[in-house]
Amino acid sequence: MNGPAPWTHVAPVPSELAVTELAAAGLLRRRDVNFVERRRFAAEAEAEREGRRRRPGAPAVGVSPGAEVTARAIWLPFGADQAVLEVRLTGAATAAVIGSHRVMVPADAELLGTARALTGAVLVALEEAGRLPPWDDPFPEATPATYRASGLPDEAVERFLRGLAAEELWNWEGARRSYEAAAATAGFVEAEAALARTARLRNGGTLGES
C-alpha cells in the first residue's frame, strides 16, 4: 500500500502490513477469488533459487498458480479528515490497467475497517472488470462497498496482529494461539481465514497454495 500510514495504535507489525494482511485474509475466505500469495512466496522462492536453506519452520515454496490479475492499493490524503483508498487492477501478463475503484476513508479510520474497505474495493473493481464469478457471501459485512467501522474490539485485532507477527517468523504455535484467540470474537472472519491458513502450512502445506 502506498502513501503515509495514518494509524497510531501500538501494533507488533507495521500498519501497512497489517492492513494488507487483513485484506488478504478477507480474500482468502472467498470462493469467488483464487487469491495467490506473493509476498512471502517471492522471498522464499528467491532464497531457494540462490541455494539458501529455508528458515527454521518455513514451509516449502511449492508451485504457485499463475496470477491473472494483480491489485495495488494507494492511500491518498484528502483534506483534513479524509483520505482516498484507491485500488488498481492490472493484468499480470500485460501490466495494463483493467480496472480501478476508489473509496473514501476517514483519516482516523481503524485498521480492520480500512482493510475491509480495501477488500470491498478489490471486489468491486474485479466485478466491474468482469472478473468476479457470482457467489453468495455468507458474511457481506466484511466487504462493504463504503468504509464502515468493523465494531470489533481493538483487543481482537491486536491478537490477529500478534498472530501475524508470529507467522512472519514461522512461529506456527504462536500464530495459531493468537489467531485462535482473535477468531473467538464473533464475526472476525479474517482471523478464521488466517487460522485455517496457519493450520495448512503447519501441517505441510506449501506457500504456493491459496
N, C-alpha and C. Protein backbone atom coordinates (compact mmCIF):
# COMPACT_ATOMS: atom_id res chain seq x y z
N MET A 1 0.85 -1.18 0.00
CA MET A 1 0.00 0.00 0.00
C MET A 1 0.88 1.23 0.00
N ASN A 2 0.65 2.15 -0.92
CA ASN A 2 1.45 3.36 -0.99
C ASN A 2 0.79 4.48 -0.20
N GLY A 3 1.61 5.45 0.22
CA GLY A 3 1.08 6.59 0.93
C GLY A 3 1.41 6.52 2.40
N PRO A 4 1.23 7.64 3.12
CA PRO A 4 1.58 7.67 4.54
C PRO A 4 0.64 6.83 5.37
N ALA A 5 1.16 6.24 6.43
CA ALA A 5 0.33 5.43 7.33
C ALA A 5 -0.35 6.33 8.35
N PRO A 6 -1.67 6.34 8.42
CA PRO A 6 -2.36 7.26 9.33
C PRO A 6 -2.59 6.69 10.72
N TRP A 7 -2.31 5.40 10.94
CA TRP A 7 -2.70 4.76 12.18
C TRP A 7 -1.64 4.96 13.26
N THR A 8 -2.08 5.17 14.47
CA THR A 8 -1.15 5.47 15.56
C THR A 8 -1.22 4.44 16.68
N HIS A 9 -1.98 3.36 16.49
CA HIS A 9 -2.10 2.37 17.56
C HIS A 9 -0.79 1.60 17.72
N VAL A 10 -0.62 0.98 18.86
CA VAL A 10 0.57 0.16 19.10
C VAL A 10 0.31 -1.23 18.53
N ALA A 11 1.18 -1.69 17.63
CA ALA A 11 0.99 -2.98 17.00
C ALA A 11 2.33 -3.65 16.81
N PRO A 12 2.37 -4.99 16.80
CA PRO A 12 3.63 -5.70 16.63
C PRO A 12 4.11 -5.77 15.18
N VAL A 13 3.35 -5.23 14.24
CA VAL A 13 3.77 -5.20 12.84
C VAL A 13 3.44 -3.82 12.28
N PRO A 14 4.11 -3.39 11.21
CA PRO A 14 3.80 -2.08 10.61
C PRO A 14 2.34 -2.01 10.17
N SER A 15 1.77 -0.81 10.22
CA SER A 15 0.36 -0.65 9.90
C SER A 15 0.04 -1.03 8.46
N GLU A 16 0.95 -0.68 7.52
CA GLU A 16 0.69 -1.03 6.12
C GLU A 16 0.61 -2.53 5.94
N LEU A 17 1.51 -3.27 6.60
CA LEU A 17 1.49 -4.73 6.52
C LEU A 17 0.23 -5.27 7.17
N ALA A 18 -0.18 -4.67 8.29
CA ALA A 18 -1.39 -5.11 8.99
C ALA A 18 -2.61 -5.00 8.08
N VAL A 19 -2.78 -3.86 7.43
CA VAL A 19 -3.94 -3.67 6.55
C VAL A 19 -3.86 -4.64 5.37
N THR A 20 -2.67 -4.78 4.78
CA THR A 20 -2.51 -5.67 3.63
C THR A 20 -2.87 -7.11 3.99
N GLU A 21 -2.38 -7.59 5.14
CA GLU A 21 -2.63 -8.97 5.52
C GLU A 21 -4.06 -9.21 5.98
N LEU A 22 -4.67 -8.21 6.60
CA LEU A 22 -6.09 -8.33 6.95
C LEU A 22 -6.93 -8.42 5.68
N ALA A 23 -6.60 -7.61 4.68
CA ALA A 23 -7.32 -7.66 3.41
C ALA A 23 -7.07 -8.99 2.70
N ALA A 24 -5.82 -9.47 2.75
CA ALA A 24 -5.51 -10.76 2.12
C ALA A 24 -6.31 -11.87 2.77
N ALA A 25 -6.42 -11.85 4.10
CA ALA A 25 -7.22 -12.86 4.79
C ALA A 25 -8.69 -12.74 4.39
N GLY A 26 -9.14 -11.50 4.17
CA GLY A 26 -10.52 -11.32 3.71
C GLY A 26 -10.76 -11.91 2.35
N LEU A 27 -9.75 -11.89 1.49
CA LEU A 27 -9.87 -12.50 0.16
C LEU A 27 -9.71 -14.01 0.21
N LEU A 28 -8.87 -14.49 1.13
CA LEU A 28 -8.62 -15.93 1.23
C LEU A 28 -9.90 -16.72 1.52
N ARG A 29 -10.81 -16.14 2.27
CA ARG A 29 -12.00 -16.89 2.68
C ARG A 29 -13.02 -17.00 1.56
N ARG A 30 -12.86 -16.23 0.49
CA ARG A 30 -13.89 -16.16 -0.54
C ARG A 30 -13.73 -17.27 -1.57
N ARG A 31 -14.86 -17.78 -2.04
CA ARG A 31 -14.85 -18.85 -3.03
C ARG A 31 -14.88 -18.32 -4.46
N ASP A 32 -15.10 -17.01 -4.61
CA ASP A 32 -15.13 -16.44 -5.95
C ASP A 32 -13.80 -15.80 -6.32
N VAL A 33 -12.81 -15.88 -5.43
CA VAL A 33 -11.49 -15.31 -5.69
C VAL A 33 -10.45 -16.38 -5.41
N ASN A 34 -9.58 -16.63 -6.38
CA ASN A 34 -8.45 -17.53 -6.18
C ASN A 34 -7.24 -16.67 -5.83
N PHE A 35 -7.08 -16.40 -4.54
CA PHE A 35 -6.04 -15.48 -4.10
C PHE A 35 -4.69 -16.18 -4.11
N VAL A 36 -3.70 -15.55 -4.74
CA VAL A 36 -2.35 -16.09 -4.83
C VAL A 36 -1.44 -15.25 -3.95
N GLU A 37 -0.87 -15.86 -2.92
CA GLU A 37 0.03 -15.17 -2.01
C GLU A 37 1.37 -14.96 -2.69
N ARG A 38 1.85 -13.71 -2.72
CA ARG A 38 3.08 -13.41 -3.43
C ARG A 38 4.20 -12.92 -2.51
N ARG A 39 3.86 -12.23 -1.43
CA ARG A 39 4.88 -11.56 -0.63
C ARG A 39 5.85 -12.56 -0.02
N ARG A 40 5.37 -13.50 0.76
CA ARG A 40 6.26 -14.50 1.35
C ARG A 40 6.78 -15.46 0.28
N PHE A 41 5.92 -15.81 -0.66
CA PHE A 41 6.29 -16.77 -1.69
C PHE A 41 7.51 -16.29 -2.48
N ALA A 42 7.49 -15.02 -2.89
CA ALA A 42 8.57 -14.49 -3.71
C ALA A 42 9.88 -14.50 -2.95
N ALA A 43 9.85 -14.11 -1.68
CA ALA A 43 11.09 -14.06 -0.89
C ALA A 43 11.68 -15.44 -0.70
N GLU A 44 10.83 -16.41 -0.38
CA GLU A 44 11.33 -17.76 -0.16
C GLU A 44 11.75 -18.42 -1.46
N ALA A 45 11.06 -18.14 -2.56
CA ALA A 45 11.45 -18.70 -3.85
C ALA A 45 12.82 -18.19 -4.26
N GLU A 46 13.09 -16.91 -4.00
CA GLU A 46 14.40 -16.36 -4.31
C GLU A 46 15.48 -17.04 -3.49
N ALA A 47 15.18 -17.31 -2.22
CA ALA A 47 16.14 -17.99 -1.35
C ALA A 47 16.45 -19.39 -1.89
N GLU A 48 15.41 -20.10 -2.35
CA GLU A 48 15.62 -21.44 -2.89
C GLU A 48 16.46 -21.38 -4.17
N ARG A 49 16.19 -20.37 -5.02
CA ARG A 49 16.96 -20.25 -6.27
C ARG A 49 18.44 -19.99 -5.98
N GLU A 50 18.72 -19.28 -4.90
CA GLU A 50 20.10 -18.96 -4.54
C GLU A 50 20.75 -20.06 -3.72
N GLY A 51 20.01 -21.15 -3.47
CA GLY A 51 20.58 -22.27 -2.75
C GLY A 51 20.64 -22.09 -1.25
N ARG A 52 19.96 -21.09 -0.73
CA ARG A 52 19.96 -20.88 0.71
C ARG A 52 18.94 -21.79 1.37
N ARG A 53 19.21 -22.16 2.59
CA ARG A 53 18.28 -23.02 3.32
C ARG A 53 17.05 -22.23 3.75
N ARG A 54 15.95 -22.95 3.84
CA ARG A 54 14.76 -22.31 4.38
C ARG A 54 14.97 -21.97 5.84
N ARG A 55 14.36 -20.89 6.25
CA ARG A 55 14.44 -20.53 7.65
C ARG A 55 13.73 -21.58 8.50
N PRO A 56 14.15 -21.79 9.75
CA PRO A 56 13.51 -22.79 10.61
C PRO A 56 12.00 -22.57 10.68
N GLY A 57 11.26 -23.63 10.35
CA GLY A 57 9.81 -23.55 10.40
C GLY A 57 9.16 -23.10 9.11
N ALA A 58 9.94 -22.54 8.18
CA ALA A 58 9.36 -22.05 6.93
C ALA A 58 8.90 -23.21 6.07
N PRO A 59 7.70 -23.13 5.48
CA PRO A 59 7.22 -24.21 4.63
C PRO A 59 7.91 -24.19 3.28
N ALA A 60 7.78 -25.29 2.56
CA ALA A 60 8.31 -25.35 1.20
C ALA A 60 7.56 -24.35 0.32
N VAL A 61 8.25 -23.84 -0.68
CA VAL A 61 7.63 -22.86 -1.56
C VAL A 61 6.53 -23.49 -2.38
N GLY A 62 6.80 -24.66 -2.95
CA GLY A 62 5.79 -25.31 -3.78
C GLY A 62 5.66 -24.62 -5.13
N VAL A 63 4.59 -24.91 -5.84
CA VAL A 63 4.34 -24.34 -7.15
C VAL A 63 3.12 -23.44 -7.07
N SER A 64 3.30 -22.20 -7.39
CA SER A 64 2.20 -21.25 -7.32
C SER A 64 1.44 -21.21 -8.64
N PRO A 65 0.12 -21.16 -8.60
CA PRO A 65 -0.62 -20.94 -9.85
C PRO A 65 -0.32 -19.54 -10.37
N GLY A 66 -0.37 -19.38 -11.65
CA GLY A 66 -0.10 -18.08 -12.23
C GLY A 66 -1.23 -17.10 -11.95
N ALA A 67 -0.89 -15.94 -11.45
CA ALA A 67 -1.89 -14.91 -11.19
C ALA A 67 -2.29 -14.24 -12.50
N GLU A 68 -3.58 -14.02 -12.68
CA GLU A 68 -4.07 -13.33 -13.88
C GLU A 68 -4.15 -11.83 -13.67
N VAL A 69 -4.42 -11.44 -12.42
CA VAL A 69 -4.64 -10.03 -12.10
C VAL A 69 -3.87 -9.69 -10.83
N THR A 70 -3.23 -8.56 -10.81
CA THR A 70 -2.58 -8.08 -9.60
C THR A 70 -3.32 -6.82 -9.12
N ALA A 71 -3.34 -6.63 -7.80
CA ALA A 71 -4.03 -5.48 -7.22
C ALA A 71 -3.03 -4.64 -6.44
N ARG A 72 -3.15 -3.34 -6.58
CA ARG A 72 -2.30 -2.40 -5.86
C ARG A 72 -3.20 -1.36 -5.21
N ALA A 73 -2.91 -1.05 -3.95
CA ALA A 73 -3.69 -0.07 -3.22
C ALA A 73 -2.86 1.17 -2.95
N ILE A 74 -3.50 2.33 -3.09
CA ILE A 74 -2.84 3.61 -2.85
C ILE A 74 -3.68 4.41 -1.86
N TRP A 75 -3.01 4.95 -0.85
CA TRP A 75 -3.67 5.77 0.17
C TRP A 75 -3.28 7.22 -0.08
N LEU A 76 -4.27 8.09 -0.33
CA LEU A 76 -4.00 9.49 -0.62
C LEU A 76 -4.79 10.38 0.33
N PRO A 77 -4.11 11.22 1.13
CA PRO A 77 -4.83 12.15 2.00
C PRO A 77 -5.74 13.06 1.17
N PHE A 78 -6.92 13.36 1.71
CA PHE A 78 -7.90 14.19 1.01
C PHE A 78 -8.51 15.15 2.02
N GLY A 79 -7.98 16.34 2.06
CA GLY A 79 -8.46 17.29 3.05
C GLY A 79 -7.90 16.98 4.42
N ALA A 80 -8.52 17.57 5.43
CA ALA A 80 -8.00 17.45 6.79
C ALA A 80 -8.44 16.17 7.48
N ASP A 81 -9.59 15.62 7.10
CA ASP A 81 -10.13 14.49 7.87
C ASP A 81 -10.54 13.30 7.03
N GLN A 82 -10.10 13.23 5.77
CA GLN A 82 -10.44 12.10 4.92
C GLN A 82 -9.24 11.66 4.09
N ALA A 83 -9.37 10.51 3.50
CA ALA A 83 -8.36 10.01 2.57
C ALA A 83 -9.06 9.20 1.49
N VAL A 84 -8.39 9.03 0.39
CA VAL A 84 -8.89 8.20 -0.71
C VAL A 84 -8.09 6.92 -0.73
N LEU A 85 -8.79 5.81 -0.68
CA LEU A 85 -8.17 4.50 -0.83
C LEU A 85 -8.52 4.00 -2.23
N GLU A 86 -7.52 3.94 -3.08
CA GLU A 86 -7.75 3.55 -4.48
C GLU A 86 -7.10 2.20 -4.77
N VAL A 87 -7.87 1.32 -5.40
CA VAL A 87 -7.36 0.03 -5.84
C VAL A 87 -7.25 0.04 -7.35
N ARG A 88 -6.10 -0.40 -7.85
CA ARG A 88 -5.90 -0.51 -9.29
C ARG A 88 -5.59 -1.96 -9.62
N LEU A 89 -6.29 -2.49 -10.60
CA LEU A 89 -6.06 -3.85 -11.07
C LEU A 89 -5.30 -3.80 -12.38
N THR A 90 -4.29 -4.65 -12.49
CA THR A 90 -3.54 -4.73 -13.74
C THR A 90 -3.46 -6.18 -14.17
N GLY A 91 -3.42 -6.39 -15.46
CA GLY A 91 -3.23 -7.73 -15.99
C GLY A 91 -1.80 -8.18 -15.73
N ALA A 92 -1.64 -9.36 -15.16
CA ALA A 92 -0.30 -9.83 -14.81
C ALA A 92 0.58 -10.01 -16.05
N ALA A 93 -0.01 -10.38 -17.17
CA ALA A 93 0.78 -10.64 -18.38
C ALA A 93 1.12 -9.36 -19.12
N THR A 94 0.23 -8.36 -19.08
CA THR A 94 0.42 -7.16 -19.89
C THR A 94 0.77 -5.92 -19.08
N ALA A 95 0.49 -5.95 -17.77
CA ALA A 95 0.68 -4.79 -16.89
C ALA A 95 -0.27 -3.65 -17.23
N ALA A 96 -1.24 -3.91 -18.09
CA ALA A 96 -2.23 -2.89 -18.44
C ALA A 96 -3.28 -2.79 -17.34
N VAL A 97 -3.71 -1.57 -17.04
CA VAL A 97 -4.75 -1.36 -16.04
C VAL A 97 -6.08 -1.87 -16.60
N ILE A 98 -6.73 -2.77 -15.87
CA ILE A 98 -8.00 -3.32 -16.33
C ILE A 98 -9.17 -2.87 -15.47
N GLY A 99 -8.88 -2.18 -14.37
CA GLY A 99 -9.96 -1.70 -13.53
C GLY A 99 -9.43 -0.97 -12.32
N SER A 100 -10.29 -0.14 -11.74
CA SER A 100 -9.91 0.56 -10.52
C SER A 100 -11.17 0.94 -9.76
N HIS A 101 -10.99 1.22 -8.48
CA HIS A 101 -12.12 1.65 -7.66
C HIS A 101 -11.59 2.47 -6.49
N ARG A 102 -12.32 3.54 -6.16
CA ARG A 102 -11.94 4.40 -5.05
C ARG A 102 -13.00 4.37 -3.96
N VAL A 103 -12.54 4.49 -2.74
CA VAL A 103 -13.46 4.59 -1.62
C VAL A 103 -12.90 5.63 -0.66
N MET A 104 -13.79 6.47 -0.11
CA MET A 104 -13.39 7.48 0.85
C MET A 104 -13.29 6.84 2.24
N VAL A 105 -12.22 7.20 2.95
CA VAL A 105 -11.96 6.62 4.26
C VAL A 105 -11.62 7.75 5.22
N PRO A 106 -12.15 7.73 6.45
CA PRO A 106 -11.75 8.75 7.42
C PRO A 106 -10.25 8.70 7.68
N ALA A 107 -9.66 9.86 7.92
CA ALA A 107 -8.22 9.90 8.17
C ALA A 107 -7.85 9.12 9.42
N ASP A 108 -8.79 9.01 10.36
CA ASP A 108 -8.53 8.26 11.60
C ASP A 108 -9.19 6.89 11.58
N ALA A 109 -9.33 6.32 10.38
CA ALA A 109 -10.02 5.03 10.23
C ALA A 109 -9.30 3.94 11.00
N GLU A 110 -10.08 2.97 11.49
CA GLU A 110 -9.49 1.84 12.19
C GLU A 110 -8.88 0.87 11.18
N LEU A 111 -7.95 0.05 11.67
CA LEU A 111 -7.25 -0.89 10.80
C LEU A 111 -8.19 -1.87 10.11
N LEU A 112 -9.03 -2.54 10.87
CA LEU A 112 -9.89 -3.57 10.29
C LEU A 112 -10.91 -2.96 9.35
N GLY A 113 -11.48 -1.82 9.72
CA GLY A 113 -12.42 -1.15 8.84
C GLY A 113 -11.77 -0.76 7.53
N THR A 114 -10.52 -0.28 7.60
CA THR A 114 -9.79 0.09 6.39
C THR A 114 -9.51 -1.14 5.53
N ALA A 115 -9.09 -2.24 6.17
CA ALA A 115 -8.80 -3.47 5.43
C ALA A 115 -10.06 -3.99 4.75
N ARG A 116 -11.19 -3.91 5.43
CA ARG A 116 -12.43 -4.39 4.82
C ARG A 116 -12.86 -3.49 3.66
N ALA A 117 -12.63 -2.18 3.79
CA ALA A 117 -12.91 -1.28 2.67
C ALA A 117 -12.01 -1.61 1.49
N LEU A 118 -10.75 -1.95 1.78
CA LEU A 118 -9.81 -2.34 0.72
C LEU A 118 -10.27 -3.62 0.04
N THR A 119 -10.67 -4.61 0.83
CA THR A 119 -11.16 -5.86 0.25
C THR A 119 -12.39 -5.61 -0.61
N GLY A 120 -13.30 -4.80 -0.09
CA GLY A 120 -14.50 -4.47 -0.85
C GLY A 120 -14.18 -3.76 -2.15
N ALA A 121 -13.18 -2.85 -2.12
CA ALA A 121 -12.80 -2.13 -3.33
C ALA A 121 -12.21 -3.07 -4.37
N VAL A 122 -11.41 -4.05 -3.92
CA VAL A 122 -10.86 -5.04 -4.85
C VAL A 122 -11.99 -5.81 -5.53
N LEU A 123 -12.98 -6.20 -4.76
CA LEU A 123 -14.09 -6.99 -5.31
C LEU A 123 -14.93 -6.16 -6.29
N VAL A 124 -15.16 -4.89 -5.96
CA VAL A 124 -15.91 -4.03 -6.87
C VAL A 124 -15.16 -3.88 -8.18
N ALA A 125 -13.84 -3.64 -8.09
CA ALA A 125 -13.04 -3.49 -9.31
C ALA A 125 -13.04 -4.77 -10.14
N LEU A 126 -12.95 -5.92 -9.47
CA LEU A 126 -12.99 -7.20 -10.19
C LEU A 126 -14.34 -7.40 -10.87
N GLU A 127 -15.41 -7.06 -10.16
CA GLU A 127 -16.74 -7.23 -10.74
C GLU A 127 -16.94 -6.32 -11.94
N GLU A 128 -16.51 -5.07 -11.82
CA GLU A 128 -16.68 -4.13 -12.93
C GLU A 128 -15.84 -4.54 -14.13
N ALA A 129 -14.73 -5.25 -13.86
CA ALA A 129 -13.88 -5.72 -14.96
C ALA A 129 -14.35 -7.06 -15.52
N GLY A 130 -15.44 -7.60 -14.96
CA GLY A 130 -15.96 -8.88 -15.43
C GLY A 130 -15.13 -10.07 -15.00
N ARG A 131 -14.41 -9.93 -13.87
CA ARG A 131 -13.51 -10.99 -13.41
C ARG A 131 -13.99 -11.63 -12.10
N LEU A 132 -15.22 -11.39 -11.69
CA LEU A 132 -15.69 -11.92 -10.41
C LEU A 132 -16.88 -12.85 -10.63
N PRO A 133 -16.72 -14.16 -10.45
CA PRO A 133 -17.84 -15.09 -10.60
C PRO A 133 -18.90 -14.83 -9.52
N PRO A 134 -20.14 -15.18 -9.79
CA PRO A 134 -21.20 -14.99 -8.78
C PRO A 134 -20.99 -15.90 -7.58
N TRP A 135 -21.22 -15.36 -6.41
CA TRP A 135 -21.10 -16.12 -5.16
C TRP A 135 -21.86 -15.39 -4.07
N ASP A 136 -22.62 -16.11 -3.28
CA ASP A 136 -23.36 -15.51 -2.17
C ASP A 136 -22.47 -15.51 -0.93
N ASP A 137 -22.01 -14.34 -0.54
CA ASP A 137 -21.13 -14.21 0.61
C ASP A 137 -21.93 -14.39 1.90
N PRO A 138 -21.58 -15.36 2.73
CA PRO A 138 -22.31 -15.54 3.98
C PRO A 138 -22.03 -14.45 5.00
N PHE A 139 -21.01 -13.63 4.77
CA PHE A 139 -20.70 -12.54 5.69
C PHE A 139 -20.37 -11.28 4.89
N PRO A 140 -21.38 -10.67 4.25
CA PRO A 140 -21.13 -9.49 3.41
C PRO A 140 -20.64 -8.29 4.19
N GLU A 141 -20.81 -8.29 5.51
CA GLU A 141 -20.33 -7.17 6.32
C GLU A 141 -18.82 -7.00 6.21
N ALA A 142 -18.12 -8.06 5.82
CA ALA A 142 -16.67 -8.00 5.72
C ALA A 142 -16.18 -7.37 4.43
N THR A 143 -17.09 -7.09 3.50
CA THR A 143 -16.69 -6.47 2.23
C THR A 143 -17.65 -5.33 1.89
N PRO A 144 -17.69 -4.29 2.72
CA PRO A 144 -18.62 -3.19 2.46
C PRO A 144 -18.24 -2.40 1.23
N ALA A 145 -19.24 -1.82 0.58
CA ALA A 145 -18.98 -1.01 -0.61
C ALA A 145 -18.37 0.34 -0.24
N THR A 146 -18.61 0.78 0.99
CA THR A 146 -18.02 2.02 1.50
C THR A 146 -17.39 1.72 2.85
N TYR A 147 -16.56 2.64 3.32
CA TYR A 147 -15.91 2.41 4.61
C TYR A 147 -16.96 2.30 5.72
N ARG A 148 -16.73 1.34 6.59
CA ARG A 148 -17.60 1.13 7.74
C ARG A 148 -16.75 0.59 8.88
N ALA A 149 -16.83 1.22 10.04
CA ALA A 149 -16.10 0.70 11.20
C ALA A 149 -16.58 -0.72 11.49
N SER A 150 -15.65 -1.59 11.81
CA SER A 150 -15.98 -3.00 11.99
C SER A 150 -16.82 -3.26 13.23
N GLY A 151 -16.64 -2.45 14.26
CA GLY A 151 -17.34 -2.68 15.52
C GLY A 151 -16.72 -3.76 16.37
N LEU A 152 -15.64 -4.38 15.90
CA LEU A 152 -14.97 -5.42 16.68
C LEU A 152 -13.99 -4.77 17.65
N PRO A 153 -13.76 -5.39 18.80
CA PRO A 153 -12.88 -4.79 19.81
C PRO A 153 -11.43 -4.70 19.35
N ASP A 154 -10.75 -3.66 19.79
CA ASP A 154 -9.33 -3.49 19.44
C ASP A 154 -8.50 -4.69 19.89
N GLU A 155 -8.90 -5.30 21.01
CA GLU A 155 -8.13 -6.43 21.54
C GLU A 155 -8.11 -7.58 20.55
N ALA A 156 -9.22 -7.80 19.85
CA ALA A 156 -9.28 -8.89 18.88
C ALA A 156 -8.34 -8.62 17.71
N VAL A 157 -8.30 -7.36 17.25
CA VAL A 157 -7.40 -7.01 16.15
C VAL A 157 -5.95 -7.14 16.59
N GLU A 158 -5.65 -6.73 17.82
CA GLU A 158 -4.29 -6.87 18.34
C GLU A 158 -3.87 -8.34 18.38
N ARG A 159 -4.79 -9.23 18.74
CA ARG A 159 -4.47 -10.66 18.74
C ARG A 159 -4.15 -11.14 17.33
N PHE A 160 -4.92 -10.66 16.35
CA PHE A 160 -4.62 -11.02 14.96
C PHE A 160 -3.22 -10.56 14.58
N LEU A 161 -2.87 -9.33 14.95
CA LEU A 161 -1.57 -8.78 14.59
C LEU A 161 -0.44 -9.54 15.28
N ARG A 162 -0.68 -10.01 16.48
CA ARG A 162 0.34 -10.82 17.16
C ARG A 162 0.49 -12.17 16.45
N GLY A 163 -0.61 -12.70 15.95
CA GLY A 163 -0.53 -13.91 15.15
C GLY A 163 0.25 -13.69 13.88
N LEU A 164 0.03 -12.55 13.24
CA LEU A 164 0.76 -12.21 12.03
C LEU A 164 2.25 -12.06 12.32
N ALA A 165 2.58 -11.38 13.42
CA ALA A 165 3.99 -11.21 13.79
C ALA A 165 4.66 -12.56 14.01
N ALA A 166 3.94 -13.49 14.64
CA ALA A 166 4.49 -14.84 14.85
C ALA A 166 4.64 -15.58 13.53
N GLU A 167 3.66 -15.43 12.66
CA GLU A 167 3.73 -16.12 11.36
C GLU A 167 4.88 -15.59 10.51
N GLU A 168 5.18 -14.30 10.63
CA GLU A 168 6.31 -13.73 9.90
C GLU A 168 7.63 -14.40 10.29
N LEU A 169 7.66 -14.94 11.51
CA LEU A 169 8.86 -15.64 12.00
C LEU A 169 8.72 -17.15 11.85
N TRP A 170 7.66 -17.61 11.18
CA TRP A 170 7.35 -19.03 11.03
C TRP A 170 7.17 -19.70 12.40
N ASN A 171 6.68 -18.95 13.34
CA ASN A 171 6.37 -19.47 14.67
C ASN A 171 4.92 -19.94 14.65
N TRP A 172 4.73 -21.19 14.23
CA TRP A 172 3.38 -21.68 13.98
C TRP A 172 2.53 -21.75 15.23
N GLU A 173 3.11 -22.20 16.34
CA GLU A 173 2.31 -22.34 17.55
C GLU A 173 1.89 -20.97 18.07
N GLY A 174 2.80 -20.01 18.04
CA GLY A 174 2.44 -18.67 18.46
C GLY A 174 1.38 -18.06 17.57
N ALA A 175 1.50 -18.29 16.24
CA ALA A 175 0.50 -17.78 15.31
C ALA A 175 -0.84 -18.45 15.56
N ARG A 176 -0.83 -19.76 15.75
CA ARG A 176 -2.08 -20.47 15.98
C ARG A 176 -2.80 -19.95 17.22
N ARG A 177 -2.07 -19.79 18.30
CA ARG A 177 -2.70 -19.32 19.54
C ARG A 177 -3.31 -17.94 19.38
N SER A 178 -2.58 -17.05 18.74
CA SER A 178 -3.07 -15.68 18.59
C SER A 178 -4.25 -15.60 17.62
N TYR A 179 -4.16 -16.29 16.48
CA TYR A 179 -5.27 -16.29 15.54
C TYR A 179 -6.50 -16.94 16.15
N GLU A 180 -6.29 -18.01 16.89
CA GLU A 180 -7.41 -18.69 17.52
C GLU A 180 -8.09 -17.78 18.52
N ALA A 181 -7.30 -17.02 19.29
CA ALA A 181 -7.87 -16.08 20.26
C ALA A 181 -8.63 -14.98 19.54
N ALA A 182 -8.10 -14.50 18.41
CA ALA A 182 -8.78 -13.47 17.64
C ALA A 182 -10.08 -14.00 17.03
N ALA A 183 -10.03 -15.23 16.52
CA ALA A 183 -11.20 -15.83 15.87
C ALA A 183 -12.32 -16.13 16.85
N ALA A 184 -12.02 -16.11 18.15
CA ALA A 184 -13.05 -16.33 19.16
C ALA A 184 -14.04 -15.17 19.20
N THR A 185 -13.67 -14.03 18.63
CA THR A 185 -14.57 -12.88 18.54
C THR A 185 -15.53 -13.11 17.38
N ALA A 186 -16.81 -13.13 17.66
CA ALA A 186 -17.82 -13.39 16.63
C ALA A 186 -17.70 -12.38 15.50
N GLY A 187 -17.70 -12.88 14.27
CA GLY A 187 -17.67 -12.02 13.11
C GLY A 187 -16.30 -11.67 12.60
N PHE A 188 -15.25 -12.16 13.26
CA PHE A 188 -13.89 -11.86 12.81
C PHE A 188 -13.48 -12.92 11.81
N VAL A 189 -14.02 -12.83 10.61
CA VAL A 189 -13.82 -13.86 9.59
C VAL A 189 -12.40 -13.86 9.07
N GLU A 190 -11.72 -12.72 9.10
CA GLU A 190 -10.34 -12.67 8.65
C GLU A 190 -9.45 -13.51 9.56
N ALA A 191 -9.71 -13.48 10.86
CA ALA A 191 -8.94 -14.29 11.80
C ALA A 191 -9.18 -15.77 11.55
N GLU A 192 -10.42 -16.14 11.22
CA GLU A 192 -10.73 -17.53 10.92
C GLU A 192 -9.96 -18.00 9.69
N ALA A 193 -9.89 -17.13 8.66
CA ALA A 193 -9.16 -17.49 7.44
C ALA A 193 -7.66 -17.62 7.72
N ALA A 194 -7.12 -16.71 8.52
CA ALA A 194 -5.69 -16.78 8.85
C ALA A 194 -5.38 -18.01 9.68
N LEU A 195 -6.28 -18.37 10.57
CA LEU A 195 -6.09 -19.58 11.38
C LEU A 195 -6.07 -20.82 10.49
N ALA A 196 -6.98 -20.88 9.52
CA ALA A 196 -7.01 -22.02 8.60
C ALA A 196 -5.74 -22.09 7.76
N ARG A 197 -5.25 -20.93 7.31
CA ARG A 197 -4.00 -20.91 6.54
C ARG A 197 -2.83 -21.40 7.38
N THR A 198 -2.77 -20.94 8.61
CA THR A 198 -1.70 -21.36 9.51
C THR A 198 -1.73 -22.87 9.72
N ALA A 199 -2.93 -23.42 9.92
CA ALA A 199 -3.06 -24.86 10.12
C ALA A 199 -2.58 -25.62 8.89
N ARG A 200 -2.91 -25.11 7.69
CA ARG A 200 -2.49 -25.78 6.45
C ARG A 200 -0.98 -25.77 6.31
N LEU A 201 -0.36 -24.61 6.53
CA LEU A 201 1.09 -24.53 6.39
C LEU A 201 1.80 -25.32 7.48
N ARG A 202 1.24 -25.30 8.68
CA ARG A 202 1.84 -26.03 9.78
C ARG A 202 1.83 -27.53 9.51
N ASN A 203 0.83 -28.00 8.77
CA ASN A 203 0.67 -29.43 8.52
C ASN A 203 1.29 -29.86 7.20
N GLY A 204 2.20 -29.07 6.67
CA GLY A 204 2.91 -29.49 5.46
C GLY A 204 2.49 -28.86 4.18
N GLY A 205 1.56 -27.89 4.22
CA GLY A 205 1.18 -27.20 3.01
C GLY A 205 2.31 -26.32 2.51
N THR A 206 2.19 -25.85 1.28
CA THR A 206 3.23 -25.01 0.69
C THR A 206 2.74 -23.59 0.53
N LEU A 207 3.68 -22.66 0.40
CA LEU A 207 3.32 -21.26 0.20
C LEU A 207 2.63 -21.04 -1.13
N GLY A 208 2.87 -21.92 -2.09
CA GLY A 208 2.28 -21.75 -3.41
C GLY A 208 0.79 -22.00 -3.46
N GLU A 209 0.24 -22.63 -2.42
CA GLU A 209 -1.19 -22.89 -2.39
C GLU A 209 -1.92 -21.64 -1.95
N SER A 210 -3.23 -21.59 -2.24
CA SER A 210 -4.04 -20.47 -1.77
C SER A 210 -4.99 -20.97 -0.70
